[in-house]
Amino acid sequence: MLIAYHTYSGNTEEVADHIAKQLYDKGFKVDTHLMGIDPPVDVSHYDFIFIGTFTWDRGSTPEEVKDFIWEIGYKPENVAVFGTGDTQFGGDELFCKAVDKLVQFYNSKWPGLKIEQSPRGYQKKRIYDWVEGVLEHVRSYAF
């Protein structure tokens, strides 16, 4: 599994770390990739991809995330999307809008995970539950 994410504040990285730990604990081989920083990665080597983003500039997807998607060159089938945002910038309408856009772009089988700012407190349980929901579907595939 690949967890590819981009972060400025560290919030999206925290979510990626929680997801990675949960997957490791369940015995999955997991690689992480920091979009825009790490060298390009060949996503065709992975059975499943988690993409993490924050929402930027009134509902926009960061350029580093767009570049990563463009570099892939195709739409992998098994993609789940997570992200962080802040309702104080644009309210509920724009909250984690980049997550919504990527879920739609990939026609993801899973709803996107949206975390308000930092994934602490009750939001850690939301991450755990979301990953469990994704894994229920993943287990039904014979990779």
C-alpha atoms as a PDB file:
ATOM      1  CA  MET A   1       0.000   0.000   0.000  1.00  0.00           C
ATOM      2  CA  LEU A   2       1.096   3.541  -0.683  1.00  0.00           C
ATOM      3  CA  ILE A   3       0.214   6.586   1.381  1.00  0.00           C
ATOM      4  CA  ALA A   4       0.981   9.668  -0.726  1.00  0.00           C
ATOM      5  CA  TYR A   5       0.294  13.021   0.908  1.00  0.00           C
ATOM      6  CA  HIS A   6       1.185  16.678   0.938  1.00  0.00           C
ATOM      7  CA  THR A   7       1.291  18.924   3.986  1.00  0.00           C
ATOM      8  CA  TYR A   8       2.293  22.450   4.967  1.00  0.00           C
ATOM      9  CA  SER A   9       1.226  22.611   8.622  1.00  0.00           C
ATOM     10  CA  GLY A  10       1.875  18.959   9.462  1.00  0.00           C
ATOM     11  CA  ASN A  11      -1.795  18.092  10.031  1.00  0.00           C
ATOM     12  CA  THR A  12      -2.131  15.955   6.891  1.00  0.00           C
ATOM     13  CA  GLU A  13       1.153  14.231   7.756  1.00  0.00           C
ATOM     14  CA  GLU A  14      -0.246  13.366  11.199  1.00  0.00           C
ATOM     15  CA  VAL A  15      -3.273  11.717   9.573  1.00  0.00           C
ATOM     16  CA  ALA A  16      -0.963   9.838   7.170  1.00  0.00           C
ATOM     17  CA  ASP A  17       1.099   8.625  10.151  1.00  0.00           C
ATOM     18  CA  HIS A  18      -2.022   7.337  11.936  1.00  0.00           C
ATOM     19  CA  ILE A  19      -3.128   5.496   8.788  1.00  0.00           C
ATOM     20  CA  ALA A  20       0.351   4.021   8.265  1.00  0.00           C
ATOM     21  CA  LYS A  21       0.555   2.772  11.852  1.00  0.00           C
ATOM     22  CA  GLN A  22      -2.875   1.159  11.635  1.00  0.00           C
ATOM     23  CA  LEU A  23      -1.962  -0.576   8.382  1.00  0.00           C
ATOM     24  CA  TYR A  24       1.439  -1.721   9.732  1.00  0.00           C
ATOM     25  CA  ASP A  25      -0.261  -3.090  12.847  1.00  0.00           C
ATOM     26  CA  LYS A  26      -2.561  -5.144  10.608  1.00  0.00           C
ATOM     27  CA  GLY A  27       0.385  -6.618   8.715  1.00  0.00           C
ATOM     28  CA  PHE A  28       0.275  -4.587   5.507  1.00  0.00           C
ATOM     29  CA  LYS A  29       3.445  -3.454   3.740  1.00  0.00           C
ATOM     30  CA  VAL A  30       3.169   0.333   3.570  1.00  0.00           C
ATOM     31  CA  ASP A  31       5.289   2.987   1.894  1.00  0.00           C
ATOM     32  CA  THR A  32       4.799   6.712   2.375  1.00  0.00           C
ATOM     33  CA  HIS A  33       5.459   9.406  -0.177  1.00  0.00           C
ATOM     34  CA  LEU A  34       5.589  13.151   0.481  1.00  0.00           C
ATOM     35  CA  MET A  35       4.294  14.727  -2.723  1.00  0.00           C
ATOM     36  CA  GLY A  36       6.408  17.559  -4.055  1.00  0.00           C
ATOM     37  CA  ILE A  37       9.398  16.591  -1.868  1.00  0.00           C
ATOM     38  CA  ASP A  38      10.206  12.894  -2.366  1.00  0.00           C
ATOM     39  CA  PRO A  39      11.442  11.604  -5.735  1.00  0.00           C
ATOM     40  CA  PRO A  40       8.689  10.385  -8.089  1.00  0.00           C
ATOM     41  CA  VAL A  41       7.144   7.024  -7.238  1.00  0.00           C
ATOM     42  CA  ASP A  42       5.771   4.361  -9.588  1.00  0.00           C
ATOM     43  CA  VAL A  43       2.251   3.792  -8.258  1.00  0.00           C
ATOM     44  CA  SER A  44       1.774   0.734 -10.484  1.00  0.00           C
ATOM     45  CA  HIS A  45       3.805  -1.209  -7.902  1.00  0.00           C
ATOM     46  CA  TYR A  46       1.011  -0.789  -5.337  1.00  0.00           C
ATOM     47  CA  ASP A  47      -2.300  -2.578  -4.968  1.00  0.00           C
ATOM     48  CA  PHE A  48      -3.847   0.280  -3.032  1.00  0.00           C
ATOM     49  CA  ILE A  49      -3.209   4.020  -2.709  1.00  0.00           C
ATOM     50  CA  PHE A  50      -4.223   6.459  -0.001  1.00  0.00           C
ATOM     51  CA  ILE A  51      -3.965  10.091  -1.147  1.00  0.00           C
ATOM     52  CA  GLY A  52      -3.823  12.822   1.464  1.00  0.00           C
ATOM     53  CA  THR A  53      -4.237  16.539   0.889  1.00  0.00           C
ATOM     54  CA  PHE A  54      -5.209  19.721   2.585  1.00  0.00           C
ATOM     55  CA  THR A  55      -7.534  22.257   1.019  1.00  0.00           C
ATOM     56  CA  TRP A  56      -5.970  25.484  -0.117  1.00  0.00           C
ATOM     57  CA  ASP A  57      -7.131  28.907  -1.234  1.00  0.00           C
ATOM     58  CA  ARG A  58     -10.907  28.708  -0.829  1.00  0.00           C
ATOM     59  CA  GLY A  59     -11.438  25.115  -1.875  1.00  0.00           C
ATOM     60  CA  SER A  60      -8.433  24.442  -4.110  1.00  0.00           C
ATOM     61  CA  THR A  61      -6.226  21.381  -4.329  1.00  0.00           C
ATOM     62  CA  PRO A  62      -2.515  22.165  -3.771  1.00  0.00           C
ATOM     63  CA  GLU A  63      -0.358  22.256  -6.915  1.00  0.00           C
ATOM     64  CA  GLU A  64       1.934  19.532  -5.527  1.00  0.00           C
ATOM     65  CA  VAL A  65      -1.036  17.157  -5.332  1.00  0.00           C
ATOM     66  CA  LYS A  66      -2.149  18.059  -8.861  1.00  0.00           C
ATOM     67  CA  ASP A  67       1.412  17.469 -10.108  1.00  0.00           C
ATOM     68  CA  PHE A  68       1.528  14.052  -8.415  1.00  0.00           C
ATOM     69  CA  ILE A  69      -1.757  13.050 -10.073  1.00  0.00           C
ATOM     70  CA  TRP A  70      -0.535  14.287 -13.456  1.00  0.00           C
ATOM     71  CA  GLU A  71       2.742  12.338 -13.078  1.00  0.00           C
ATOM     72  CA  ILE A  72       0.822   9.096 -12.491  1.00  0.00           C
ATOM     73  CA  GLY A  73      -0.646   9.404 -15.973  1.00  0.00           C
ATOM     74  CA  TYR A  74      -3.697   7.219 -15.336  1.00  0.00           C
ATOM     75  CA  LYS A  75      -6.386   6.710 -12.703  1.00  0.00           C
ATOM     76  CA  PRO A  76      -5.571   3.764 -10.440  1.00  0.00           C
ATOM     77  CA  GLU A  77      -8.665   1.832  -9.400  1.00  0.00           C
ATOM     78  CA  ASN A  78      -8.126   1.458  -5.647  1.00  0.00           C
ATOM     79  CA  VAL A  79      -7.696   4.968  -4.278  1.00  0.00           C
ATOM     80  CA  ALA A  80      -8.999   6.276  -0.955  1.00  0.00           C
ATOM     81  CA  VAL A  81      -8.693   9.996  -0.165  1.00  0.00           C
ATOM     82  CA  PHE A  82      -8.167  11.760   3.150  1.00  0.00           C
ATOM     83  CA  GLY A  83      -7.495  15.348   4.049  1.00  0.00           C
ATOM     84  CA  THR A  84      -7.400  18.123   6.561  1.00  0.00           C
ATOM     85  CA  GLY A  85      -9.048  21.491   6.535  1.00  0.00           C
ATOM     86  CA  ASP A  86     -10.386  24.322   8.601  1.00  0.00           C
ATOM     87  CA  THR A  87     -14.021  25.414   8.611  1.00  0.00           C
ATOM     88  CA  GLN A  88     -13.059  28.944   9.649  1.00  0.00           C
ATOM     89  CA  PHE A  89     -11.870  29.523   6.064  1.00  0.00           C
ATOM     90  CA  GLY A  90     -14.979  29.183   3.894  1.00  0.00           C
ATOM     91  CA  GLY A  91     -17.295  27.331   6.259  1.00  0.00           C
ATOM     92  CA  ASP A  92     -18.792  23.920   5.613  1.00  0.00           C
ATOM     93  CA  GLU A  93     -19.187  24.567   1.881  1.00  0.00           C
ATOM     94  CA  LEU A  94     -15.414  24.733   1.299  1.00  0.00           C
ATOM     95  CA  PHE A  95     -14.282  22.477   4.168  1.00  0.00           C
ATOM     96  CA  CYS A  96     -11.887  19.876   2.737  1.00  0.00           C
ATOM     97  CA  LYS A  97     -13.155  20.610  -0.780  1.00  0.00           C
ATOM     98  CA  ALA A  98      -9.933  19.141  -2.231  1.00  0.00           C
ATOM     99  CA  VAL A  99     -10.920  15.788  -0.706  1.00  0.00           C
ATOM    100  CA  ASP A 100     -14.311  15.945  -2.425  1.00  0.00           C
ATOM    101  CA  LYS A 101     -12.678  16.802  -5.747  1.00  0.00           C
ATOM    102  CA  LEU A 102     -10.236  13.888  -5.553  1.00  0.00           C
ATOM    103  CA  VAL A 103     -12.911  11.399  -4.476  1.00  0.00           C
ATOM    104  CA  GLN A 104     -14.920  12.408  -7.531  1.00  0.00           C
ATOM    105  CA  PHE A 105     -11.886  12.435  -9.855  1.00  0.00           C
ATOM    106  CA  TYR A 106     -10.914   8.883  -8.868  1.00  0.00           C
ATOM    107  CA  ASN A 107     -14.525   7.724  -8.582  1.00  0.00           C
ATOM    108  CA  SER A 108     -13.414   6.327  -5.235  1.00  0.00           C
ATOM    109  CA  LYS A 109     -15.393   3.510  -3.676  1.00  0.00           C
ATOM    110  CA  TRP A 110     -14.993   5.171  -0.272  1.00  0.00           C
ATOM    111  CA  PRO A 111     -16.124   8.507   1.085  1.00  0.00           C
ATOM    112  CA  GLY A 112     -13.252  10.866   1.740  1.00  0.00           C
ATOM    113  CA  LEU A 113     -11.998  11.273   5.288  1.00  0.00           C
ATOM    114  CA  LYS A 114     -12.152  14.923   6.386  1.00  0.00           C
ATOM    115  CA  ILE A 115     -10.319  16.030   9.518  1.00  0.00           C
ATOM    116  CA  GLU A 116     -10.694  19.482  11.077  1.00  0.00           C
ATOM    117  CA  GLN A 117      -7.152  20.804  11.568  1.00  0.00           C
ATOM    118  CA  SER A 118      -5.140  18.335  13.671  1.00  0.00           C
ATOM    119  CA  PRO A 119      -6.197  14.691  14.116  1.00  0.00           C
ATOM    120  CA  ARG A 120      -6.194  14.717  17.882  1.00  0.00           C
ATOM    121  CA  GLY A 121      -8.778  13.660  20.406  1.00  0.00           C
ATOM    122  CA  TYR A 122     -12.017  12.217  19.033  1.00  0.00           C
ATOM    123  CA  GLN A 123     -10.757  12.600  15.457  1.00  0.00           C
ATOM    124  CA  LYS A 124      -8.241   9.787  15.948  1.00  0.00           C
ATOM    125  CA  LYS A 125     -11.203   7.412  16.280  1.00  0.00           C
ATOM    126  CA  ARG A 126     -12.646   8.801  13.038  1.00  0.00           C
ATOM    127  CA  ILE A 127      -9.387   7.926  11.273  1.00  0.00           C
ATOM    128  CA  TYR A 128      -9.404   4.420  12.755  1.00  0.00           C
ATOM    129  CA  ASP A 129     -13.035   3.794  11.770  1.00  0.00           C
ATOM    130  CA  TRP A 130     -12.485   5.140   8.242  1.00  0.00           C
ATOM    131  CA  VAL A 131      -9.447   2.920   7.670  1.00  0.00           C
ATOM    132  CA  GLU A 132     -11.395  -0.082   8.967  1.00  0.00           C
ATOM    133  CA  GLY A 133     -14.161   0.702   6.461  1.00  0.00           C
ATOM    134  CA  VAL A 134     -11.647   0.896   3.620  1.00  0.00           C
ATOM    135  CA  LEU A 135     -10.008  -2.356   4.727  1.00  0.00           C
ATOM    136  CA  GLU A 136     -13.335  -4.203   4.768  1.00  0.00           C
ATOM    137  CA  HIS A 137     -13.558  -3.582   1.042  1.00  0.00           C
ATOM    138  CA  VAL A 138      -9.854  -4.225   0.423  1.00  0.00           C
ATOM    139  CA  ARG A 139     -10.075  -7.635   2.104  1.00  0.00           C
ATOM    140  CA  SER A 140     -12.691  -8.671  -0.438  1.00  0.00           C
ATOM    141  CA  TYR A 141     -10.139  -8.242  -3.248  1.00  0.00           C
ATOM    142  CA  ALA A 142      -7.645 -10.993  -3.969  1.00  0.00           C
ATOM    143  CA  PHE A 143      -4.507  -9.027  -4.685  1.00  0.00           C
END
